[in-house]
Amino acid sequence: MRSPGDRRSRVRYEVFGPFWGTFDAGNPVCVHNLSHQGALIEADQPLAVESVQSVCLMLDGQPALADARVRHLEPVPSNDQHRYLVGVEFLSMTAAFQDAVDHLMAYRA
């Protein structure tokens, strides 16, 4: 039974114990620097320092995933847009991610 102030249109179910999920902001970023250890990216939203973020590189239409810890954040002076330089350290990466980084570094060399 709902409380008088409850305006939900559907019933919600209580979950016992941890319930894992993901949230994808889906905003692309501009990569300024990239190495096997980390990257400097420019994003339109601030990411919490010390938070762990999922990183997805798309290379030839194929996704490559890694987990990265945000190490520093700096606002970018801009006219009317909020932009941030975000330094991330890669914690773990798939083999596809490592191959994508190798490919991108070789392309720039």
C-alpha atoms as a PDB file:
ATOM      1  CA  MET A   1       0.000   0.000   0.000  1.00  0.00           C
ATOM      2  CA  ARG A   2       1.260   3.459  -0.878  1.00  0.00           C
ATOM      3  CA  SER A   3       1.621   6.355   1.483  1.00  0.00           C
ATOM      4  CA  PRO A   4      -0.593   9.411   0.757  1.00  0.00           C
ATOM      5  CA  GLY A   5       2.340  11.462  -0.642  1.00  0.00           C
ATOM      6  CA  ASP A   6       3.603   8.695  -2.941  1.00  0.00           C
ATOM      7  CA  ARG A   7       3.043   9.687  -6.601  1.00  0.00           C
ATOM      8  CA  ARG A   8       4.771   6.732  -8.277  1.00  0.00           C
ATOM      9  CA  SER A   9       2.727   5.230 -11.059  1.00  0.00           C
ATOM     10  CA  ARG A  10       4.138   1.707 -10.619  1.00  0.00           C
ATOM     11  CA  VAL A  11       4.957  -0.531  -7.692  1.00  0.00           C
ATOM     12  CA  ARG A  12       8.632  -0.753  -6.705  1.00  0.00           C
ATOM     13  CA  TYR A  13      10.179  -3.891  -5.280  1.00  0.00           C
ATOM     14  CA  GLU A  14      12.608  -3.981  -2.387  1.00  0.00           C
ATOM     15  CA  VAL A  15      15.982  -5.514  -3.222  1.00  0.00           C
ATOM     16  CA  PHE A  16      17.887  -7.319  -0.475  1.00  0.00           C
ATOM     17  CA  GLY A  17      21.663  -7.171  -0.637  1.00  0.00           C
ATOM     18  CA  PRO A  18      23.889  -5.519  -3.247  1.00  0.00           C
ATOM     19  CA  PHE A  19      22.396  -4.897  -6.645  1.00  0.00           C
ATOM     20  CA  TRP A  20      25.004  -4.036  -9.274  1.00  0.00           C
ATOM     21  CA  GLY A  21      24.323  -1.781 -12.212  1.00  0.00           C
ATOM     22  CA  THR A  22      25.946   0.817 -14.419  1.00  0.00           C
ATOM     23  CA  PHE A  23      25.189   4.351 -15.456  1.00  0.00           C
ATOM     24  CA  ASP A  24      26.435   5.639 -18.771  1.00  0.00           C
ATOM     25  CA  ALA A  25      26.584   9.385 -19.310  1.00  0.00           C
ATOM     26  CA  GLY A  26      27.579   8.630 -22.886  1.00  0.00           C
ATOM     27  CA  ASN A  27      29.270  11.966 -23.454  1.00  0.00           C
ATOM     28  CA  PRO A  28      32.259  11.821 -25.803  1.00  0.00           C
ATOM     29  CA  VAL A  29      35.476  13.471 -24.659  1.00  0.00           C
ATOM     30  CA  CYS A  30      38.500  14.954 -26.380  1.00  0.00           C
ATOM     31  CA  VAL A  31      41.728  13.055 -25.632  1.00  0.00           C
ATOM     32  CA  HIS A  32      44.741  15.378 -25.268  1.00  0.00           C
ATOM     33  CA  ASN A  33      47.361  12.848 -24.108  1.00  0.00           C
ATOM     34  CA  LEU A  34      47.278   9.059 -24.025  1.00  0.00           C
ATOM     35  CA  SER A  35      49.626   6.393 -22.679  1.00  0.00           C
ATOM     36  CA  HIS A  36      49.336   2.886 -21.246  1.00  0.00           C
ATOM     37  CA  GLN A  37      49.287   4.401 -17.751  1.00  0.00           C
ATOM     38  CA  GLY A  38      46.594   7.045 -18.260  1.00  0.00           C
ATOM     39  CA  ALA A  39      45.195   9.937 -20.245  1.00  0.00           C
ATOM     40  CA  LEU A  40      44.416  13.639 -20.134  1.00  0.00           C
ATOM     41  CA  ILE A  41      40.928  14.229 -21.437  1.00  0.00           C
ATOM     42  CA  GLU A  42      38.701  17.259 -21.919  1.00  0.00           C
ATOM     43  CA  ALA A  43      35.126  16.720 -20.786  1.00  0.00           C
ATOM     44  CA  ASP A  44      31.984  18.833 -20.478  1.00  0.00           C
ATOM     45  CA  GLN A  45      31.229  17.622 -16.957  1.00  0.00           C
ATOM     46  CA  PRO A  46      33.408  17.483 -13.863  1.00  0.00           C
ATOM     47  CA  LEU A  47      34.316  14.008 -12.668  1.00  0.00           C
ATOM     48  CA  ALA A  48      34.923  13.471  -8.961  1.00  0.00           C
ATOM     49  CA  VAL A  49      38.606  13.189  -8.080  1.00  0.00           C
ATOM     50  CA  GLU A  50      39.471   9.657  -6.861  1.00  0.00           C
ATOM     51  CA  SER A  51      36.307   8.217  -8.467  1.00  0.00           C
ATOM     52  CA  VAL A  52      36.650   5.174 -10.716  1.00  0.00           C
ATOM     53  CA  GLN A  53      35.200   5.621 -14.186  1.00  0.00           C
ATOM     54  CA  SER A  54      34.683   3.213 -17.047  1.00  0.00           C
ATOM     55  CA  VAL A  55      36.500   4.268 -20.221  1.00  0.00           C
ATOM     56  CA  CYS A  56      35.562   3.079 -23.689  1.00  0.00           C
ATOM     57  CA  LEU A  57      37.799   3.640 -26.720  1.00  0.00           C
ATOM     58  CA  MET A  58      36.140   3.085 -30.075  1.00  0.00           C
ATOM     59  CA  LEU A  59      38.594   1.984 -32.744  1.00  0.00           C
ATOM     60  CA  ASP A  60      37.321   0.845 -36.148  1.00  0.00           C
ATOM     61  CA  GLY A  61      33.851   0.569 -34.627  1.00  0.00           C
ATOM     62  CA  GLN A  62      35.000  -1.856 -31.941  1.00  0.00           C
ATOM     63  CA  PRO A  63      34.727  -0.906 -28.242  1.00  0.00           C
ATOM     64  CA  ALA A  64      37.695  -1.401 -25.925  1.00  0.00           C
ATOM     65  CA  LEU A  65      37.168  -1.009 -22.168  1.00  0.00           C
ATOM     66  CA  ALA A  66      39.238   0.027 -19.163  1.00  0.00           C
ATOM     67  CA  ASP A  67      38.678   1.243 -15.618  1.00  0.00           C
ATOM     68  CA  ALA A  68      40.351   4.513 -14.692  1.00  0.00           C
ATOM     69  CA  ARG A  69      40.729   6.530 -11.503  1.00  0.00           C
ATOM     70  CA  VAL A  70      40.315  10.306 -11.774  1.00  0.00           C
ATOM     71  CA  ARG A  71      43.536  11.837 -10.396  1.00  0.00           C
ATOM     72  CA  HIS A  72      43.027  15.540 -11.061  1.00  0.00           C
ATOM     73  CA  LEU A  73      40.499  17.994 -12.454  1.00  0.00           C
ATOM     74  CA  GLU A  74      41.015  21.520 -13.767  1.00  0.00           C
ATOM     75  CA  PRO A  75      38.438  23.889 -15.258  1.00  0.00           C
ATOM     76  CA  VAL A  76      39.269  25.121 -18.769  1.00  0.00           C
ATOM     77  CA  PRO A  77      38.759  28.853 -19.316  1.00  0.00           C
ATOM     78  CA  SER A  78      36.044  29.183 -21.936  1.00  0.00           C
ATOM     79  CA  ASN A  79      33.611  31.825 -23.183  1.00  0.00           C
ATOM     80  CA  ASP A  80      30.268  30.190 -22.558  1.00  0.00           C
ATOM     81  CA  GLN A  81      30.906  26.460 -22.138  1.00  0.00           C
ATOM     82  CA  HIS A  82      31.925  24.586 -19.026  1.00  0.00           C
ATOM     83  CA  ARG A  83      34.871  22.341 -19.914  1.00  0.00           C
ATOM     84  CA  TYR A  84      37.285  20.435 -17.689  1.00  0.00           C
ATOM     85  CA  LEU A  85      40.706  18.851 -18.124  1.00  0.00           C
ATOM     86  CA  VAL A  86      40.591  15.491 -16.360  1.00  0.00           C
ATOM     87  CA  GLY A  87      43.652  13.367 -15.649  1.00  0.00           C
ATOM     88  CA  VAL A  88      42.910   9.651 -15.331  1.00  0.00           C
ATOM     89  CA  GLU A  89      45.088   6.697 -14.373  1.00  0.00           C
ATOM     90  CA  PHE A  90      44.202   3.350 -15.927  1.00  0.00           C
ATOM     91  CA  LEU A  91      43.643   0.685 -13.279  1.00  0.00           C
ATOM     92  CA  SER A  92      42.720  -2.295 -15.436  1.00  0.00           C
ATOM     93  CA  MET A  93      42.190  -2.732 -19.140  1.00  0.00           C
ATOM     94  CA  THR A  94      41.113  -5.369 -21.587  1.00  0.00           C
ATOM     95  CA  ALA A  95      43.537  -6.714 -24.161  1.00  0.00           C
ATOM     96  CA  ALA A  96      41.485  -4.872 -26.798  1.00  0.00           C
ATOM     97  CA  PHE A  97      42.013  -1.589 -24.924  1.00  0.00           C
ATOM     98  CA  GLN A  98      45.770  -2.154 -24.725  1.00  0.00           C
ATOM     99  CA  ASP A  99      45.840  -2.973 -28.446  1.00  0.00           C
ATOM    100  CA  ALA A 100      43.822   0.175 -29.217  1.00  0.00           C
ATOM    101  CA  VAL A 101      46.272   2.327 -27.226  1.00  0.00           C
ATOM    102  CA  ASP A 102      49.199   0.681 -29.053  1.00  0.00           C
ATOM    103  CA  HIS A 103      47.519   1.351 -32.397  1.00  0.00           C
ATOM    104  CA  LEU A 104      46.773   5.004 -31.568  1.00  0.00           C
ATOM    105  CA  MET A 105      50.295   5.635 -30.246  1.00  0.00           C
ATOM    106  CA  ALA A 106      51.859   4.039 -33.357  1.00  0.00           C
ATOM    107  CA  TYR A 107      49.580   6.129 -35.608  1.00  0.00           C
ATOM    108  CA  ARG A 108      50.730   9.371 -33.904  1.00  0.00           C
ATOM    109  CA  ALA A 109      54.452   8.433 -34.034  1.00  0.00           C
END
